[in-house]
Amino acid sequence: NSNVAEQDSRYLEAMKRIGEFKSEIDRIYNGECVDELYEK
C-alpha cells in the first residue's frame, strides 16, 4: 500500500502509456481518426 512505487518513473511512464492507449480505444468507439489508428 506504500505510494513509493507510484512515484517511480517506470510506474508513471506505464500509467501515461495506459492512458494513451485508453484514449485510442475511445477514439475508435467515437469513430475519430480510425484510419490513422488502424495504421498505427
PDB file of all heavy atoms in Angstrom:
ATOM      1  N   ASN A   1       0.808  -1.221   0.000  1.00  0.00           N
ATOM      2  CA  ASN A   1       0.000   0.000   0.000  1.00  0.00           C
ATOM      3  C   ASN A   1       0.842   1.272   0.000  1.00  0.00           C
ATOM      4  O   ASN A   1       0.302   2.368  -0.069  1.00  0.00           O
ATOM      5  CB  ASN A   1      -0.949   0.007   1.201  1.00  0.00           C
ATOM      6  CG  ASN A   1      -1.988  -1.081   1.093  1.00  0.00           C
ATOM      7  OD1 ASN A   1      -2.466  -1.387   0.008  1.00  0.00           O
ATOM      8  ND2 ASN A   1      -2.317  -1.693   2.220  1.00  0.00           N
ATOM      9  N   SER A   2       2.146   1.126   0.084  1.00  0.00           N
ATOM     10  CA  SER A   2       3.026   2.287   0.065  1.00  0.00           C
ATOM     11  C   SER A   2       2.927   2.969  -1.299  1.00  0.00           C
ATOM     12  O   SER A   2       2.842   2.320  -2.335  1.00  0.00           O
ATOM     13  CB  SER A   2       4.471   1.845   0.314  1.00  0.00           C
ATOM     14  OG  SER A   2       5.353   2.909   0.081  1.00  0.00           O
ATOM     15  N   ASN A   3       2.966   4.285  -1.293  1.00  0.00           N
ATOM     16  CA  ASN A   3       2.890   5.016  -2.563  1.00  0.00           C
ATOM     17  C   ASN A   3       4.267   5.282  -3.162  1.00  0.00           C
ATOM     18  O   ASN A   3       4.378   5.976  -4.158  1.00  0.00           O
ATOM     19  CB  ASN A   3       2.110   6.319  -2.387  1.00  0.00           C
ATOM     20  CG  ASN A   3       2.824   7.304  -1.480  1.00  0.00           C
ATOM     21  OD1 ASN A   3       3.831   6.988  -0.856  1.00  0.00           O
ATOM     22  ND2 ASN A   3       2.290   8.501  -1.397  1.00  0.00           N
ATOM     23  N   VAL A   4       5.294   4.702  -2.589  1.00  0.00           N
ATOM     24  CA  VAL A   4       6.650   4.899  -3.097  1.00  0.00           C
ATOM     25  C   VAL A   4       6.762   4.383  -4.532  1.00  0.00           C
ATOM     26  O   VAL A   4       7.342   5.040  -5.393  1.00  0.00           O
ATOM     27  CB  VAL A   4       7.689   4.205  -2.184  1.00  0.00           C
ATOM     28  CG1 VAL A   4       9.082   4.289  -2.780  1.00  0.00           C
ATOM     29  CG2 VAL A   4       7.664   4.829  -0.804  1.00  0.00           C
ATOM     30  N   ALA A   5       6.193   3.216  -4.806  1.00  0.00           N
ATOM     31  CA  ALA A   5       6.251   2.654  -6.152  1.00  0.00           C
ATOM     32  C   ALA A   5       5.554   3.563  -7.159  1.00  0.00           C
ATOM     33  O   ALA A   5       5.984   3.672  -8.307  1.00  0.00           O
ATOM     34  CB  ALA A   5       5.621   1.265  -6.179  1.00  0.00           C
ATOM     35  N   GLU A   6       4.500   4.224  -6.731  1.00  0.00           N
ATOM     36  CA  GLU A   6       3.741   5.080  -7.632  1.00  0.00           C
ATOM     37  C   GLU A   6       4.480   6.364  -7.997  1.00  0.00           C
ATOM     38  O   GLU A   6       4.056   7.092  -8.885  1.00  0.00           O
ATOM     39  CB  GLU A   6       2.383   5.391  -7.018  1.00  0.00           C
ATOM     40  CG  GLU A   6       1.527   4.136  -6.903  1.00  0.00           C
ATOM     41  CD  GLU A   6       0.274   4.336  -6.089  1.00  0.00           C
ATOM     42  OE1 GLU A   6      -0.008   5.479  -5.683  1.00  0.00           O
ATOM     43  OE2 GLU A   6      -0.410   3.336  -5.862  1.00  0.00           O
ATOM     44  N   GLN A   7       5.579   6.624  -7.322  1.00  0.00           N
ATOM     45  CA  GLN A   7       6.398   7.789  -7.651  1.00  0.00           C
ATOM     46  C   GLN A   7       7.570   7.411  -8.550  1.00  0.00           C
ATOM     47  O   GLN A   7       8.294   8.277  -9.028  1.00  0.00           O
ATOM     48  CB  GLN A   7       6.902   8.444  -6.361  1.00  0.00           C
ATOM     49  CG  GLN A   7       5.776   8.972  -5.506  1.00  0.00           C
ATOM     50  CD  GLN A   7       6.237   9.419  -4.135  1.00  0.00           C
ATOM     51  OE1 GLN A   7       7.426   9.571  -3.879  1.00  0.00           O
ATOM     52  NE2 GLN A   7       5.299   9.627  -3.242  1.00  0.00           N
ATOM     53  N   ASP A   8       7.740   6.126  -8.782  1.00  0.00           N
ATOM     54  CA  ASP A   8       8.814   5.622  -9.642  1.00  0.00           C
ATOM     55  C   ASP A   8       8.544   6.040 -11.088  1.00  0.00           C
ATOM     56  O   ASP A   8       7.412   5.950 -11.569  1.00  0.00           O
ATOM     57  CB  ASP A   8       8.876   4.095  -9.518  1.00  0.00           C
ATOM     58  CG  ASP A   8      10.057   3.499 -10.244  1.00  0.00           C
ATOM     59  OD1 ASP A   8      10.061   3.536 -11.490  1.00  0.00           O
ATOM     60  OD2 ASP A   8      10.962   2.989  -9.560  1.00  0.00           O
ATOM     61  N   SER A   9       9.578   6.458 -11.800  1.00  0.00           N
ATOM     62  CA  SER A   9       9.403   6.938 -13.178  1.00  0.00           C
ATOM     63  C   SER A   9       8.875   5.845 -14.104  1.00  0.00           C
ATOM     64  O   SER A   9       8.116   6.130 -15.038  1.00  0.00           O
ATOM     65  CB  SER A   9      10.715   7.505 -13.729  1.00  0.00           C
ATOM     66  OG  SER A   9      11.698   6.486 -13.777  1.00  0.00           O
ATOM     67  N   ARG A  10       9.233   4.581 -13.849  1.00  0.00           N
ATOM     68  CA  ARG A  10       8.735   3.481 -14.685  1.00  0.00           C
ATOM     69  C   ARG A  10       7.230   3.314 -14.497  1.00  0.00           C
ATOM     70  O   ARG A  10       6.492   3.078 -15.456  1.00  0.00           O
ATOM     71  CB  ARG A  10       9.456   2.179 -14.351  1.00  0.00           C
ATOM     72  CG  ARG A  10      10.945   2.227 -14.680  1.00  0.00           C
ATOM     73  CD  ARG A  10      11.678   1.071 -14.080  1.00  0.00           C
ATOM     74  NE  ARG A  10      11.566   1.156 -12.623  1.00  0.00           N
ATOM     75  CZ  ARG A  10      11.827   0.159 -11.786  1.00  0.00           C
ATOM     76  NH1 ARG A  10      12.199  -1.007 -12.230  1.00  0.00           N
ATOM     77  NH2 ARG A  10      11.720   0.329 -10.487  1.00  0.00           N
ATOM     78  N   TYR A  11       6.778   3.445 -13.253  1.00  0.00           N
ATOM     79  CA  TYR A  11       5.344   3.365 -12.951  1.00  0.00           C
ATOM     80  C   TYR A  11       4.613   4.506 -13.652  1.00  0.00           C
ATOM     81  O   TYR A  11       3.592   4.300 -14.300  1.00  0.00           O
ATOM     82  CB  TYR A  11       5.121   3.431 -11.440  1.00  0.00           C
ATOM     83  CG  TYR A  11       3.671   3.490 -11.036  1.00  0.00           C
ATOM     84  CD1 TYR A  11       2.973   2.329 -10.731  1.00  0.00           C
ATOM     85  CD2 TYR A  11       2.988   4.706 -10.947  1.00  0.00           C
ATOM     86  CE1 TYR A  11       1.637   2.368 -10.360  1.00  0.00           C
ATOM     87  CE2 TYR A  11       1.660   4.760 -10.587  1.00  0.00           C
ATOM     88  CZ  TYR A  11       0.994   3.591 -10.288  1.00  0.00           C
ATOM     89  OH  TYR A  11      -0.334   3.641  -9.930  1.00  0.00           O
ATOM     90  N   LEU A  12       5.133   5.706 -13.515  1.00  0.00           N
ATOM     91  CA  LEU A  12       4.497   6.882 -14.106  1.00  0.00           C
ATOM     92  C   LEU A  12       4.432   6.781 -15.626  1.00  0.00           C
ATOM     93  O   LEU A  12       3.418   7.129 -16.238  1.00  0.00           O
ATOM     94  CB  LEU A  12       5.233   8.151 -13.682  1.00  0.00           C
ATOM     95  CG  LEU A  12       5.187   8.474 -12.179  1.00  0.00           C
ATOM     96  CD1 LEU A  12       6.123   9.624 -11.850  1.00  0.00           C
ATOM     97  CD2 LEU A  12       3.762   8.776 -11.742  1.00  0.00           C
ATOM     98  N   GLU A  13       5.503   6.285 -16.244  1.00  0.00           N
ATOM     99  CA  GLU A  13       5.520   6.129 -17.700  1.00  0.00           C
ATOM    100  C   GLU A  13       4.499   5.087 -18.137  1.00  0.00           C
ATOM    101  O   GLU A  13       3.775   5.285 -19.123  1.00  0.00           O
ATOM    102  CB  GLU A  13       6.925   5.735 -18.190  1.00  0.00           C
ATOM    103  CG  GLU A  13       7.019   5.546 -19.685  1.00  0.00           C
ATOM    104  CD  GLU A  13       6.712   6.793 -20.508  1.00  0.00           C
ATOM    105  OE1 GLU A  13       6.896   7.923 -20.018  1.00  0.00           O
ATOM    106  OE2 GLU A  13       6.257   6.635 -21.662  1.00  0.00           O
ATOM    107  N   ALA A  14       4.414   3.971 -17.419  1.00  0.00           N
ATOM    108  CA  ALA A  14       3.444   2.924 -17.765  1.00  0.00           C
ATOM    109  C   ALA A  14       2.012   3.460 -17.627  1.00  0.00           C
ATOM    110  O   ALA A  14       1.159   3.191 -18.484  1.00  0.00           O
ATOM    111  CB  ALA A  14       3.644   1.689 -16.888  1.00  0.00           C
ATOM    112  N   MET A  15       1.743   4.220 -16.582  1.00  0.00           N
ATOM    113  CA  MET A  15       0.407   4.788 -16.395  1.00  0.00           C
ATOM    114  C   MET A  15       0.079   5.782 -17.519  1.00  0.00           C
ATOM    115  O   MET A  15      -1.053   5.817 -18.008  1.00  0.00           O
ATOM    116  CB  MET A  15       0.293   5.472 -15.034  1.00  0.00           C
ATOM    117  CG  MET A  15       0.285   4.499 -13.870  1.00  0.00           C
ATOM    118  SD  MET A  15      -1.083   3.315 -13.936  1.00  0.00           S
ATOM    119  CE  MET A  15      -2.475   4.378 -13.666  1.00  0.00           C
ATOM    120  N   LYS A  16       1.073   6.549 -17.925  1.00  0.00           N
ATOM    121  CA  LYS A  16       0.879   7.502 -19.028  1.00  0.00           C
ATOM    122  C   LYS A  16       0.524   6.750 -20.309  1.00  0.00           C
ATOM    123  O   LYS A  16      -0.406   7.122 -21.026  1.00  0.00           O
ATOM    124  CB  LYS A  16       2.149   8.327 -19.227  1.00  0.00           C
ATOM    125  CG  LYS A  16       2.084   9.297 -20.380  1.00  0.00           C
ATOM    126  CD  LYS A  16       3.401  10.050 -20.527  1.00  0.00           C
ATOM    127  CE  LYS A  16       3.401  10.812 -21.822  1.00  0.00           C
ATOM    128  NZ  LYS A  16       4.702  10.874 -22.430  1.00  0.00           N
ATOM    129  N   ARG A  17       1.264   5.677 -20.596  1.00  0.00           N
ATOM    130  CA  ARG A  17       1.008   4.885 -21.800  1.00  0.00           C
ATOM    131  C   ARG A  17      -0.375   4.247 -21.757  1.00  0.00           C
ATOM    132  O   ARG A  17      -1.082   4.227 -22.758  1.00  0.00           O
ATOM    133  CB  ARG A  17       2.089   3.803 -21.979  1.00  0.00           C
ATOM    134  CG  ARG A  17       3.459   4.338 -22.295  1.00  0.00           C
ATOM    135  CD  ARG A  17       3.584   4.918 -23.679  1.00  0.00           C
ATOM    136  NE  ARG A  17       3.453   3.845 -24.662  1.00  0.00           N
ATOM    137  CZ  ARG A  17       2.947   4.003 -25.875  1.00  0.00           C
ATOM    138  NH1 ARG A  17       2.539   5.167 -26.283  1.00  0.00           N
ATOM    139  NH2 ARG A  17       2.854   2.986 -26.701  1.00  0.00           N
ATOM    140  N   ILE A  18      -0.769   3.750 -20.587  1.00  0.00           N
ATOM    141  CA  ILE A  18      -2.105   3.156 -20.453  1.00  0.00           C
ATOM    142  C   ILE A  18      -3.164   4.201 -20.777  1.00  0.00           C
ATOM    143  O   ILE A  18      -4.131   3.919 -21.487  1.00  0.00           O
ATOM    144  CB  ILE A  18      -2.308   2.550 -19.049  1.00  0.00           C
ATOM    145  CG1 ILE A  18      -1.470   1.267 -18.915  1.00  0.00           C
ATOM    146  CG2 ILE A  18      -3.785   2.261 -18.784  1.00  0.00           C
ATOM    147  CD1 ILE A  18      -1.435   0.691 -17.513  1.00  0.00           C
ATOM    148  N   GLY A  19      -2.991   5.408 -20.276  1.00  0.00           N
ATOM    149  CA  GLY A  19      -3.929   6.487 -20.583  1.00  0.00           C
ATOM    150  C   GLY A  19      -3.993   6.780 -22.072  1.00  0.00           C
ATOM    151  O   GLY A  19      -5.076   7.006 -22.630  1.00  0.00           O
ATOM    152  N   GLU A  20      -2.840   6.764 -22.733  1.00  0.00           N
ATOM    153  CA  GLU A  20      -2.802   6.999 -24.191  1.00  0.00           C
ATOM    154  C   GLU A  20      -3.531   5.877 -24.931  1.00  0.00           C
ATOM    155  O   GLU A  20      -4.293   6.144 -25.870  1.00  0.00           O
ATOM    156  CB  GLU A  20      -1.352   7.091 -24.666  1.00  0.00           C
ATOM    157  CG  GLU A  20      -0.631   8.327 -24.172  1.00  0.00           C
ATOM    158  CD  GLU A  20       0.878   8.283 -24.385  1.00  0.00           C
ATOM    159  OE1 GLU A  20       1.396   7.245 -24.874  1.00  0.00           O
ATOM    160  OE2 GLU A  20       1.540   9.269 -24.054  1.00  0.00           O
ATOM    161  N   PHE A  21      -3.298   4.634 -24.514  1.00  0.00           N
ATOM    162  CA  PHE A  21      -3.963   3.506 -25.167  1.00  0.00           C
ATOM    163  C   PHE A  21      -5.476   3.570 -24.963  1.00  0.00           C
ATOM    164  O   PHE A  21      -6.249   3.336 -25.894  1.00  0.00           O
ATOM    165  CB  PHE A  21      -3.431   2.171 -24.642  1.00  0.00           C
ATOM    166  CG  PHE A  21      -2.003   1.877 -25.021  1.00  0.00           C
ATOM    167  CD1 PHE A  21      -1.125   1.357 -24.090  1.00  0.00           C
ATOM    168  CD2 PHE A  21      -1.528   2.109 -26.306  1.00  0.00           C
ATOM    169  CE1 PHE A  21       0.187   1.064 -24.425  1.00  0.00           C
ATOM    170  CE2 PHE A  21      -0.217   1.827 -26.654  1.00  0.00           C
ATOM    171  CZ  PHE A  21       0.640   1.302 -25.702  1.00  0.00           C
ATOM    172  N   LYS A  22      -5.898   3.907 -23.750  1.00  0.00           N
ATOM    173  CA  LYS A  22      -7.342   4.021 -23.489  1.00  0.00           C
ATOM    174  C   LYS A  22      -7.960   5.134 -24.325  1.00  0.00           C
ATOM    175  O   LYS A  22      -9.085   5.007 -24.812  1.00  0.00           O
ATOM    176  CB  LYS A  22      -7.599   4.248 -21.997  1.00  0.00           C
ATOM    177  CG  LYS A  22      -7.365   3.010 -21.162  1.00  0.00           C
ATOM    178  CD  LYS A  22      -7.651   3.271 -19.703  1.00  0.00           C
ATOM    179  CE  LYS A  22      -7.499   2.016 -18.884  1.00  0.00           C
ATOM    180  NZ  LYS A  22      -7.800   2.248 -17.459  1.00  0.00           N
ATOM    181  N   SER A  23      -7.227   6.217 -24.512  1.00  0.00           N
ATOM    182  CA  SER A  23      -7.700   7.309 -25.356  1.00  0.00           C
ATOM    183  C   SER A  23      -7.868   6.838 -26.803  1.00  0.00           C
ATOM    184  O   SER A  23      -8.843   7.213 -27.472  1.00  0.00           O
ATOM    185  CB  SER A  23      -6.714   8.476 -25.287  1.00  0.00           C
ATOM    186  OG  SER A  23      -7.084   9.483 -26.180  1.00  0.00           O
ATOM    187  N   GLU A  24      -6.945   6.010 -27.266  1.00  0.00           N
ATOM    188  CA  GLU A  24      -7.056   5.479 -28.626  1.00  0.00           C
ATOM    189  C   GLU A  24      -8.297   4.595 -28.762  1.00  0.00           C
ATOM    190  O   GLU A  24      -8.998   4.655 -29.771  1.00  0.00           O
ATOM    191  CB  GLU A  24      -5.795   4.694 -28.999  1.00  0.00           C
ATOM    192  CG  GLU A  24      -4.597   5.594 -29.193  1.00  0.00           C
ATOM    193  CD  GLU A  24      -3.310   4.836 -29.432  1.00  0.00           C
ATOM    194  OE1 GLU A  24      -3.273   3.604 -29.241  1.00  0.00           O
ATOM    195  OE2 GLU A  24      -2.321   5.492 -29.816  1.00  0.00           O
ATOM    196  N   ILE A  25      -8.563   3.781 -27.763  1.00  0.00           N
ATOM    197  CA  ILE A  25      -9.764   2.940 -27.789  1.00  0.00           C
ATOM    198  C   ILE A  25     -11.013   3.817 -27.828  1.00  0.00           C
ATOM    199  O   ILE A  25     -11.941   3.556 -28.602  1.00  0.00           O
ATOM    200  CB  ILE A  25      -9.787   1.968 -26.593  1.00  0.00           C
ATOM    201  CG1 ILE A  25      -8.701   0.890 -26.776  1.00  0.00           C
ATOM    202  CG2 ILE A  25     -11.167   1.322 -26.437  1.00  0.00           C
ATOM    203  CD1 ILE A  25      -8.499  -0.008 -25.578  1.00  0.00           C
ATOM    204  N   ASP A  26     -11.042   4.864 -27.012  1.00  0.00           N
ATOM    205  CA  ASP A  26     -12.184   5.791 -27.019  1.00  0.00           C
ATOM    206  C   ASP A  26     -12.363   6.415 -28.396  1.00  0.00           C
ATOM    207  O   ASP A  26     -13.494   6.574 -28.873  1.00  0.00           O
ATOM    208  CB  ASP A  26     -12.001   6.892 -25.968  1.00  0.00           C
ATOM    209  CG  ASP A  26     -12.157   6.394 -24.548  1.00  0.00           C
ATOM    210  OD1 ASP A  26     -12.729   5.293 -24.341  1.00  0.00           O
ATOM    211  OD2 ASP A  26     -11.687   7.096 -23.629  1.00  0.00           O
ATOM    212  N   ARG A  27     -11.254   6.774 -29.040  1.00  0.00           N
ATOM    213  CA  ARG A  27     -11.329   7.371 -30.382  1.00  0.00           C
ATOM    214  C   ARG A  27     -11.934   6.386 -31.380  1.00  0.00           C
ATOM    215  O   ARG A  27     -12.702   6.789 -32.256  1.00  0.00           O
ATOM    216  CB  ARG A  27      -9.954   7.846 -30.833  1.00  0.00           C
ATOM    217  CG  ARG A  27      -9.521   9.104 -30.078  1.00  0.00           C
ATOM    218  CD  ARG A  27      -8.108   9.533 -30.362  1.00  0.00           C
ATOM    219  NE  ARG A  27      -7.768   9.595 -31.773  1.00  0.00           N
ATOM    220  CZ  ARG A  27      -6.519   9.498 -32.236  1.00  0.00           C
ATOM    221  NH1 ARG A  27      -5.514   9.328 -31.411  1.00  0.00           N
ATOM    222  NH2 ARG A  27      -6.288   9.569 -33.527  1.00  0.00           N
ATOM    223  N   ILE A  28     -11.589   5.118 -31.261  1.00  0.00           N
ATOM    224  CA  ILE A  28     -12.175   4.115 -32.154  1.00  0.00           C
ATOM    225  C   ILE A  28     -13.673   4.025 -31.913  1.00  0.00           C
ATOM    226  O   ILE A  28     -14.467   4.032 -32.857  1.00  0.00           O
ATOM    227  CB  ILE A  28     -11.497   2.742 -31.973  1.00  0.00           C
ATOM    228  CG1 ILE A  28     -10.059   2.799 -32.500  1.00  0.00           C
ATOM    229  CG2 ILE A  28     -12.292   1.641 -32.692  1.00  0.00           C
ATOM    230  CD1 ILE A  28      -9.220   1.576 -32.162  1.00  0.00           C
ATOM    231  N   TYR A  29     -14.085   3.954 -30.642  1.00  0.00           N
ATOM    232  CA  TYR A  29     -15.514   3.886 -30.336  1.00  0.00           C
ATOM    233  C   TYR A  29     -16.264   5.116 -30.849  1.00  0.00           C
ATOM    234  O   TYR A  29     -17.413   5.016 -31.273  1.00  0.00           O
ATOM    235  CB  TYR A  29     -15.747   3.742 -28.829  1.00  0.00           C
ATOM    236  CG  TYR A  29     -15.567   2.346 -28.314  1.00  0.00           C
ATOM    237  CD1 TYR A  29     -14.709   2.082 -27.260  1.00  0.00           C
ATOM    238  CD2 TYR A  29     -16.266   1.261 -28.855  1.00  0.00           C
ATOM    239  CE1 TYR A  29     -14.549   0.791 -26.772  1.00  0.00           C
ATOM    240  CE2 TYR A  29     -16.117  -0.018 -28.380  1.00  0.00           C
ATOM    241  CZ  TYR A  29     -15.255  -0.251 -27.338  1.00  0.00           C
ATOM    242  OH  TYR A  29     -15.090  -1.522 -26.854  1.00  0.00           O
ATOM    243  N   ASN A  30     -15.600   6.265 -30.818  1.00  0.00           N
ATOM    244  CA  ASN A  30     -16.228   7.507 -31.267  1.00  0.00           C
ATOM    245  C   ASN A  30     -16.081   7.740 -32.770  1.00  0.00           C
ATOM    246  O   ASN A  30     -16.569   8.738 -33.290  1.00  0.00           O
ATOM    247  CB  ASN A  30     -15.634   8.701 -30.510  1.00  0.00           C
ATOM    248  CG  ASN A  30     -15.971   8.655 -29.039  1.00  0.00           C
ATOM    249  OD1 ASN A  30     -17.008   8.129 -28.634  1.00  0.00           O
ATOM    250  ND2 ASN A  30     -15.086   9.204 -28.214  1.00  0.00           N
ATOM    251  N   GLY A  31     -15.386   6.846 -33.459  1.00  0.00           N
ATOM    252  CA  GLY A  31     -15.206   6.973 -34.901  1.00  0.00           C
ATOM    253  C   GLY A  31     -14.263   8.090 -35.300  1.00  0.00           C
ATOM    254  O   GLY A  31     -14.320   8.595 -36.413  1.00  0.00           O
ATOM    255  N   GLU A  32     -13.364   8.472 -34.400  1.00  0.00           N
ATOM    256  CA  GLU A  32     -12.435   9.578 -34.656  1.00  0.00           C
ATOM    257  C   GLU A  32     -11.108   9.049 -35.205  1.00  0.00           C
ATOM    258  O   GLU A  32     -10.450   8.241 -34.555  1.00  0.00           O
ATOM    259  CB  GLU A  32     -12.157  10.341 -33.360  1.00  0.00           C
ATOM    260  CG  GLU A  32     -13.381  10.937 -32.718  1.00  0.00           C
ATOM    261  CD  GLU A  32     -13.102  11.465 -31.324  1.00  0.00           C
ATOM    262  OE1 GLU A  32     -11.937  11.498 -30.898  1.00  0.00           O
ATOM    263  OE2 GLU A  32     -14.075  11.828 -30.654  1.00  0.00           O
ATOM    264  N   CYS A  33     -10.722   9.502 -36.364  1.00  0.00           N
ATOM    265  CA  CYS A  33      -9.411   9.189 -36.947  1.00  0.00           C
ATOM    266  C   CYS A  33      -9.125   7.691 -36.972  1.00  0.00           C
ATOM    267  O   CYS A  33      -7.988   7.264 -36.741  1.00  0.00           O
ATOM    268  CB  CYS A  33      -8.295   9.906 -36.187  1.00  0.00           C
ATOM    269  SG  CYS A  33      -8.490  11.677 -36.070  1.00  0.00           S
ATOM    270  N   VAL A  34     -10.141   6.884 -37.276  1.00  0.00           N
ATOM    271  CA  VAL A  34      -9.945   5.435 -37.193  1.00  0.00           C
ATOM    272  C   VAL A  34      -8.922   4.935 -38.213  1.00  0.00           C
ATOM    273  O   VAL A  34      -8.137   4.036 -37.886  1.00  0.00           O
ATOM    274  CB  VAL A  34     -11.270   4.652 -37.302  1.00  0.00           C
ATOM    275  CG1 VAL A  34     -12.108   4.829 -36.059  1.00  0.00           C
ATOM    276  CG2 VAL A  34     -12.041   5.015 -38.543  1.00  0.00           C
ATOM    277  N   ASP A  35      -8.900   5.488 -39.403  1.00  0.00           N
ATOM    278  CA  ASP A  35      -7.912   5.031 -40.386  1.00  0.00           C
ATOM    279  C   ASP A  35      -6.493   5.272 -39.878  1.00  0.00           C
ATOM    280  O   ASP A  35      -5.612   4.427 -40.027  1.00  0.00           O
ATOM    281  CB  ASP A  35      -8.116   5.717 -41.733  1.00  0.00           C
ATOM    282  CG  ASP A  35      -9.371   5.233 -42.446  1.00  0.00           C
ATOM    283  OD1 ASP A  35      -9.832   4.107 -42.155  1.00  0.00           O
ATOM    284  OD2 ASP A  35      -9.889   5.994 -43.293  1.00  0.00           O
ATOM    285  N   GLU A  36      -6.284   6.428 -39.257  1.00  0.00           N
ATOM    286  CA  GLU A  36      -4.986   6.753 -38.675  1.00  0.00           C
ATOM    287  C   GLU A  36      -4.638   5.765 -37.557  1.00  0.00           C
ATOM    288  O   GLU A  36      -3.497   5.296 -37.453  1.00  0.00           O
ATOM    289  CB  GLU A  36      -5.026   8.183 -38.123  1.00  0.00           C
ATOM    290  CG  GLU A  36      -3.811   8.605 -37.346  1.00  0.00           C
ATOM    291  CD  GLU A  36      -4.027   9.965 -36.698  1.00  0.00           C
ATOM    292  OE1 GLU A  36      -4.528  10.873 -37.381  1.00  0.00           O
ATOM    293  OE2 GLU A  36      -3.693  10.101 -35.514  1.00  0.00           O
ATOM    294  N   LEU A  37      -5.609   5.437 -36.736  1.00  0.00           N
ATOM    295  CA  LEU A  37      -5.368   4.496 -35.645  1.00  0.00           C
ATOM    296  C   LEU A  37      -5.122   3.081 -36.162  1.00  0.00           C
ATOM    297  O   LEU A  37      -4.259   2.369 -35.638  1.00  0.00           O
ATOM    298  CB  LEU A  37      -6.534   4.500 -34.653  1.00  0.00           C
ATOM    299  CG  LEU A  37      -6.586   5.706 -33.736  1.00  0.00           C
ATOM    300  CD1 LEU A  37      -7.900   5.761 -32.985  1.00  0.00           C
ATOM    301  CD2 LEU A  37      -5.419   5.702 -32.777  1.00  0.00           C
ATOM    302  N   TYR A  38      -5.872   2.665 -37.186  1.00  0.00           N
ATOM    303  CA  TYR A  38      -5.636   1.349 -37.775  1.00  0.00           C
ATOM    304  C   TYR A  38      -4.203   1.252 -38.283  1.00  0.00           C
ATOM    305  O   TYR A  38      -3.530   0.241 -38.107  1.00  0.00           O
ATOM    306  CB  TYR A  38      -6.598   1.068 -38.927  1.00  0.00           C
ATOM    307  CG  TYR A  38      -8.050   0.956 -38.562  1.00  0.00           C
ATOM    308  CD1 TYR A  38      -9.021   1.231 -39.516  1.00  0.00           C
ATOM    309  CD2 TYR A  38      -8.470   0.588 -37.291  1.00  0.00           C
ATOM    310  CE1 TYR A  38     -10.376   1.133 -39.219  1.00  0.00           C
ATOM    311  CE2 TYR A  38      -9.816   0.496 -36.980  1.00  0.00           C
ATOM    312  CZ  TYR A  38     -10.763   0.766 -37.943  1.00  0.00           C
ATOM    313  OH  TYR A  38     -12.090   0.668 -37.644  1.00  0.00           O
ATOM    314  N   GLU A  39      -3.746   2.322 -38.930  1.00  0.00           N
ATOM    315  CA  GLU A  39      -2.374   2.356 -39.449  1.00  0.00           C
ATOM    316  C   GLU A  39      -1.361   2.254 -38.307  1.00  0.00           C
ATOM    317  O   GLU A  39      -0.373   1.528 -38.395  1.00  0.00           O
ATOM    318  CB  GLU A  39      -2.145   3.639 -40.257  1.00  0.00           C
ATOM    319  CG  GLU A  39      -0.739   3.818 -40.757  1.00  0.00           C
ATOM    320  CD  GLU A  39      -0.287   2.753 -41.738  1.00  0.00           C
ATOM    321  OE1 GLU A  39      -1.135   2.169 -42.442  1.00  0.00           O
ATOM    322  OE2 GLU A  39       0.932   2.478 -41.789  1.00  0.00           O
ATOM    323  N   LYS A  40      -1.607   2.976 -37.230  1.00  0.00           N
ATOM    324  CA  LYS A  40      -0.701   2.945 -36.074  1.00  0.00           C
ATOM    325  C   LYS A  40      -0.667   1.548 -35.460  1.00  0.00           C
ATOM    326  O   LYS A  40       0.401   1.040 -35.119  1.00  0.00           O
ATOM    327  CB  LYS A  40      -1.142   3.972 -35.033  1.00  0.00           C
ATOM    328  CG  LYS A  40      -0.198   4.072 -33.856  1.00  0.00           C
ATOM    329  CD  LYS A  40      -0.613   5.185 -32.917  1.00  0.00           C
ATOM    330  CE  LYS A  40       0.401   5.373 -31.813  1.00  0.00           C
ATOM    331  NZ  LYS A  40       0.012   6.477 -30.926  1.00  0.00           N
TER     332      LYS A  40
END
